Amino acid sequence: MSATLPEEQLSQIAILIKQNQALILKNQDSWLSDEGVAKRFGVSVSLITKWRKQFGLPFSQIGEVRRYSTKEVDDWFKGFSPQRILSRAS
């Protein structure tokens, strides 16, 4: 027994599928590795590790896989300042 949907519903489903695929692609681009963050800011991976450990660079980790949200990293970096580094050193 096979059921068919009206053309209007099929058209709406096709639109939703395209929108979903676009969101998936967008979200795939929004996570970076340590190397990706280092490249984004033009610094070394060891500096990214230091920022993460000492200054709270936000990240997500599952097992051995660590990723950084581009939005969270960009927002964090906007608030990052030399004064913040100096206040932690003293």
N, C-alpha and C. Protein backbone atom coordinates (compact mmCIF):
# COMPACT_ATOMS: atom_id res chain seq x y z
N MET A 1 0.84 -1.17 0.00
CA MET A 1 0.00 0.00 0.00
C MET A 1 0.89 1.24 0.00
N SER A 2 0.73 2.08 -0.95
CA SER A 2 1.55 3.26 -1.10
C SER A 2 0.67 4.50 -1.04
N ALA A 3 1.09 5.47 -0.23
CA ALA A 3 0.34 6.71 -0.11
C ALA A 3 1.11 7.83 -0.80
N THR A 4 0.40 8.75 -1.37
CA THR A 4 1.04 9.90 -2.00
C THR A 4 0.54 11.17 -1.33
N LEU A 5 1.40 12.14 -1.30
CA LEU A 5 1.05 13.43 -0.71
C LEU A 5 0.64 14.41 -1.80
N PRO A 6 -0.18 15.38 -1.44
CA PRO A 6 -0.53 16.40 -2.42
C PRO A 6 0.72 17.19 -2.83
N GLU A 7 0.70 17.72 -4.03
CA GLU A 7 1.84 18.46 -4.58
C GLU A 7 2.29 19.60 -3.67
N GLU A 8 1.35 20.30 -3.06
CA GLU A 8 1.68 21.42 -2.17
C GLU A 8 2.51 20.95 -0.98
N GLN A 9 2.14 19.83 -0.39
CA GLN A 9 2.90 19.30 0.74
C GLN A 9 4.28 18.83 0.31
N LEU A 10 4.37 18.21 -0.86
CA LEU A 10 5.68 17.79 -1.38
C LEU A 10 6.58 18.99 -1.61
N SER A 11 6.01 20.07 -2.10
CA SER A 11 6.77 21.29 -2.33
C SER A 11 7.27 21.87 -1.01
N GLN A 12 6.43 21.88 0.01
CA GLN A 12 6.83 22.39 1.32
C GLN A 12 7.92 21.52 1.94
N ILE A 13 7.81 20.23 1.78
CA ILE A 13 8.83 19.32 2.29
C ILE A 13 10.17 19.57 1.61
N ALA A 14 10.14 19.78 0.30
CA ALA A 14 11.37 20.06 -0.44
C ALA A 14 12.03 21.34 0.06
N ILE A 15 11.23 22.36 0.34
CA ILE A 15 11.76 23.62 0.88
C ILE A 15 12.40 23.38 2.25
N LEU A 16 11.72 22.63 3.11
CA LEU A 16 12.26 22.34 4.44
C LEU A 16 13.56 21.55 4.36
N ILE A 17 13.64 20.62 3.45
CA ILE A 17 14.88 19.84 3.28
C ILE A 17 16.02 20.76 2.89
N LYS A 18 15.78 21.67 1.95
CA LYS A 18 16.84 22.61 1.52
C LYS A 18 17.26 23.52 2.68
N GLN A 19 16.30 24.01 3.45
CA GLN A 19 16.63 24.87 4.59
C GLN A 19 17.44 24.10 5.63
N ASN A 20 17.06 22.85 5.88
CA ASN A 20 17.78 22.02 6.83
C ASN A 20 19.21 21.76 6.37
N GLN A 21 19.39 21.48 5.10
CA GLN A 21 20.73 21.24 4.58
C GLN A 21 21.59 22.49 4.71
N ALA A 22 21.00 23.66 4.46
CA ALA A 22 21.74 24.92 4.60
C ALA A 22 22.16 25.14 6.05
N LEU A 23 21.28 24.83 7.00
CA LEU A 23 21.63 24.97 8.42
C LEU A 23 22.73 24.00 8.82
N ILE A 24 22.66 22.79 8.32
CA ILE A 24 23.70 21.81 8.63
C ILE A 24 25.05 22.30 8.12
N LEU A 25 25.10 22.80 6.89
CA LEU A 25 26.35 23.31 6.34
C LEU A 25 26.85 24.50 7.15
N LYS A 26 25.94 25.39 7.53
CA LYS A 26 26.33 26.56 8.31
C LYS A 26 26.92 26.13 9.65
N ASN A 27 26.29 25.18 10.32
CA ASN A 27 26.77 24.73 11.62
C ASN A 27 28.08 23.96 11.52
N GLN A 28 28.32 23.28 10.41
CA GLN A 28 29.59 22.57 10.24
C GLN A 28 30.74 23.56 10.20
N ASP A 29 30.50 24.73 9.65
CA ASP A 29 31.54 25.74 9.53
C ASP A 29 31.76 26.51 10.82
N SER A 30 30.90 26.31 11.82
CA SER A 30 30.98 27.14 13.01
C SER A 30 31.81 26.53 14.15
N TRP A 31 32.46 25.41 13.91
CA TRP A 31 33.30 24.79 14.92
C TRP A 31 34.73 24.66 14.41
N LEU A 32 35.69 25.02 15.25
CA LEU A 32 37.10 25.00 14.86
C LEU A 32 37.91 24.11 15.80
N SER A 33 38.98 23.56 15.27
CA SER A 33 39.95 22.81 16.08
C SER A 33 40.92 23.81 16.72
N ASP A 34 41.85 23.31 17.54
CA ASP A 34 42.90 24.17 18.10
C ASP A 34 43.65 24.88 16.98
N GLU A 35 43.97 24.11 15.95
CA GLU A 35 44.71 24.68 14.81
C GLU A 35 43.88 25.73 14.08
N GLY A 36 42.58 25.49 13.96
CA GLY A 36 41.71 26.45 13.29
C GLY A 36 41.61 27.77 14.03
N VAL A 37 41.53 27.70 15.37
CA VAL A 37 41.49 28.92 16.17
C VAL A 37 42.82 29.66 16.07
N ALA A 38 43.92 28.91 16.13
CA ALA A 38 45.24 29.53 16.02
C ALA A 38 45.37 30.26 14.68
N LYS A 39 44.94 29.62 13.62
CA LYS A 39 45.00 30.23 12.30
C LYS A 39 44.10 31.46 12.23
N ARG A 40 42.92 31.37 12.83
CA ARG A 40 41.96 32.48 12.80
C ARG A 40 42.56 33.74 13.42
N PHE A 41 43.34 33.59 14.50
CA PHE A 41 43.89 34.74 15.19
C PHE A 41 45.37 34.97 14.90
N GLY A 42 45.96 34.11 14.08
CA GLY A 42 47.36 34.29 13.69
C GLY A 42 48.34 34.07 14.83
N VAL A 43 48.04 33.07 15.67
CA VAL A 43 48.91 32.76 16.80
C VAL A 43 49.23 31.26 16.77
N SER A 44 50.09 30.84 17.70
CA SER A 44 50.47 29.42 17.76
C SER A 44 49.41 28.61 18.50
N VAL A 45 49.43 27.30 18.26
CA VAL A 45 48.53 26.39 18.97
C VAL A 45 48.84 26.40 20.45
N SER A 46 50.12 26.54 20.82
CA SER A 46 50.47 26.57 22.24
C SER A 46 49.87 27.79 22.93
N LEU A 47 49.75 28.90 22.22
CA LEU A 47 49.12 30.08 22.81
C LEU A 47 47.62 29.86 22.99
N ILE A 48 46.99 29.15 22.05
CA ILE A 48 45.57 28.81 22.20
C ILE A 48 45.39 27.95 23.45
N THR A 49 46.28 26.99 23.66
CA THR A 49 46.22 26.14 24.87
C THR A 49 46.36 26.99 26.12
N LYS A 50 47.27 27.93 26.12
CA LYS A 50 47.46 28.82 27.27
C LYS A 50 46.21 29.66 27.51
N TRP A 51 45.63 30.22 26.45
CA TRP A 51 44.41 31.02 26.59
C TRP A 51 43.28 30.17 27.16
N ARG A 52 43.19 28.92 26.70
CA ARG A 52 42.13 28.03 27.17
C ARG A 52 42.32 27.72 28.65
N LYS A 53 43.54 27.37 29.05
CA LYS A 53 43.80 26.95 30.42
C LYS A 53 43.85 28.12 31.40
N GLN A 54 44.45 29.22 31.02
CA GLN A 54 44.67 30.31 31.96
C GLN A 54 43.64 31.44 31.87
N PHE A 55 43.00 31.59 30.71
CA PHE A 55 42.14 32.75 30.53
C PHE A 55 40.72 32.40 30.11
N GLY A 56 40.39 31.12 30.14
CA GLY A 56 39.01 30.72 29.94
C GLY A 56 38.49 30.76 28.51
N LEU A 57 39.36 30.54 27.53
CA LEU A 57 38.89 30.46 26.15
C LEU A 57 37.85 29.34 26.07
N PRO A 58 36.61 29.65 25.69
CA PRO A 58 35.54 28.64 25.72
C PRO A 58 35.72 27.55 24.67
N PHE A 59 35.40 26.31 25.07
CA PHE A 59 35.52 25.17 24.16
C PHE A 59 34.54 24.09 24.59
N SER A 60 34.33 23.14 23.72
CA SER A 60 33.55 21.95 24.02
C SER A 60 34.43 20.75 23.74
N GLN A 61 34.27 19.70 24.55
CA GLN A 61 35.11 18.52 24.36
C GLN A 61 34.30 17.26 24.61
N ILE A 62 34.47 16.30 23.71
CA ILE A 62 33.90 14.97 23.88
C ILE A 62 35.06 14.01 23.67
N GLY A 63 35.42 13.30 24.72
CA GLY A 63 36.58 12.41 24.64
C GLY A 63 37.83 13.23 24.36
N GLU A 64 38.53 12.85 23.31
CA GLU A 64 39.76 13.55 22.93
C GLU A 64 39.52 14.69 21.94
N VAL A 65 38.28 14.84 21.49
CA VAL A 65 37.97 15.84 20.46
C VAL A 65 37.54 17.15 21.11
N ARG A 66 38.32 18.21 20.87
CA ARG A 66 38.04 19.53 21.41
C ARG A 66 37.71 20.45 20.24
N ARG A 67 36.61 21.20 20.37
CA ARG A 67 36.21 22.13 19.32
C ARG A 67 35.80 23.45 19.94
N TYR A 68 35.95 24.50 19.16
CA TYR A 68 35.65 25.86 19.59
C TYR A 68 34.56 26.43 18.69
N SER A 69 33.53 26.99 19.29
CA SER A 69 32.48 27.67 18.54
C SER A 69 33.04 29.00 18.03
N THR A 70 32.92 29.25 16.75
CA THR A 70 33.47 30.51 16.21
C THR A 70 32.80 31.71 16.87
N LYS A 71 31.51 31.64 17.12
CA LYS A 71 30.82 32.77 17.76
C LYS A 71 31.34 33.01 19.18
N GLU A 72 31.45 31.93 19.96
CA GLU A 72 31.93 32.06 21.34
C GLU A 72 33.37 32.55 21.38
N VAL A 73 34.20 32.03 20.50
CA VAL A 73 35.61 32.43 20.47
C VAL A 73 35.73 33.91 20.05
N ASP A 74 34.97 34.31 19.04
CA ASP A 74 35.01 35.71 18.60
C ASP A 74 34.53 36.64 19.71
N ASP A 75 33.45 36.27 20.39
CA ASP A 75 32.94 37.09 21.50
C ASP A 75 33.96 37.17 22.63
N TRP A 76 34.58 36.03 22.95
CA TRP A 76 35.59 35.99 24.01
C TRP A 76 36.77 36.88 23.64
N PHE A 77 37.21 36.79 22.40
CA PHE A 77 38.39 37.54 21.97
C PHE A 77 38.13 39.05 21.99
N LYS A 78 36.89 39.46 21.70
CA LYS A 78 36.55 40.89 21.75
C LYS A 78 36.76 41.46 23.15
N GLY A 79 36.53 40.64 24.17
CA GLY A 79 36.70 41.09 25.54
C GLY A 79 38.08 40.83 26.12
N PHE A 80 38.94 40.22 25.35
CA PHE A 80 40.28 39.88 25.80
C PHE A 80 41.18 41.10 25.68
N SER A 81 41.96 41.38 26.72
CA SER A 81 42.80 42.58 26.69
C SER A 81 44.11 42.34 27.41
N PRO A 82 45.12 43.16 27.11
CA PRO A 82 46.40 43.05 27.82
C PRO A 82 46.23 43.25 29.33
N GLN A 83 45.28 44.11 29.73
CA GLN A 83 45.04 44.34 31.15
C GLN A 83 44.59 43.05 31.85
N ARG A 84 43.82 42.27 31.15
CA ARG A 84 43.35 41.00 31.70
C ARG A 84 44.53 40.05 31.93
N ILE A 85 45.47 40.05 31.01
CA ILE A 85 46.67 39.22 31.16
C ILE A 85 47.49 39.68 32.36
N LEU A 86 47.70 41.00 32.45
CA LEU A 86 48.50 41.55 33.55
C LEU A 86 47.85 41.31 34.91
N SER A 87 46.52 41.41 34.98
CA SER A 87 45.84 41.20 36.26
C SER A 87 45.97 39.75 36.71
N ARG A 88 46.05 38.81 35.79
CA ARG A 88 46.23 37.40 36.12
C ARG A 88 47.67 37.11 36.57
N ALA A 89 48.62 37.90 36.05
CA ALA A 89 50.03 37.67 36.34
C ALA A 89 50.38 38.14 37.75
N SER A 90 49.63 39.09 38.29
CA SER A 90 49.98 39.63 39.60
C SER A 90 49.24 38.97 40.74
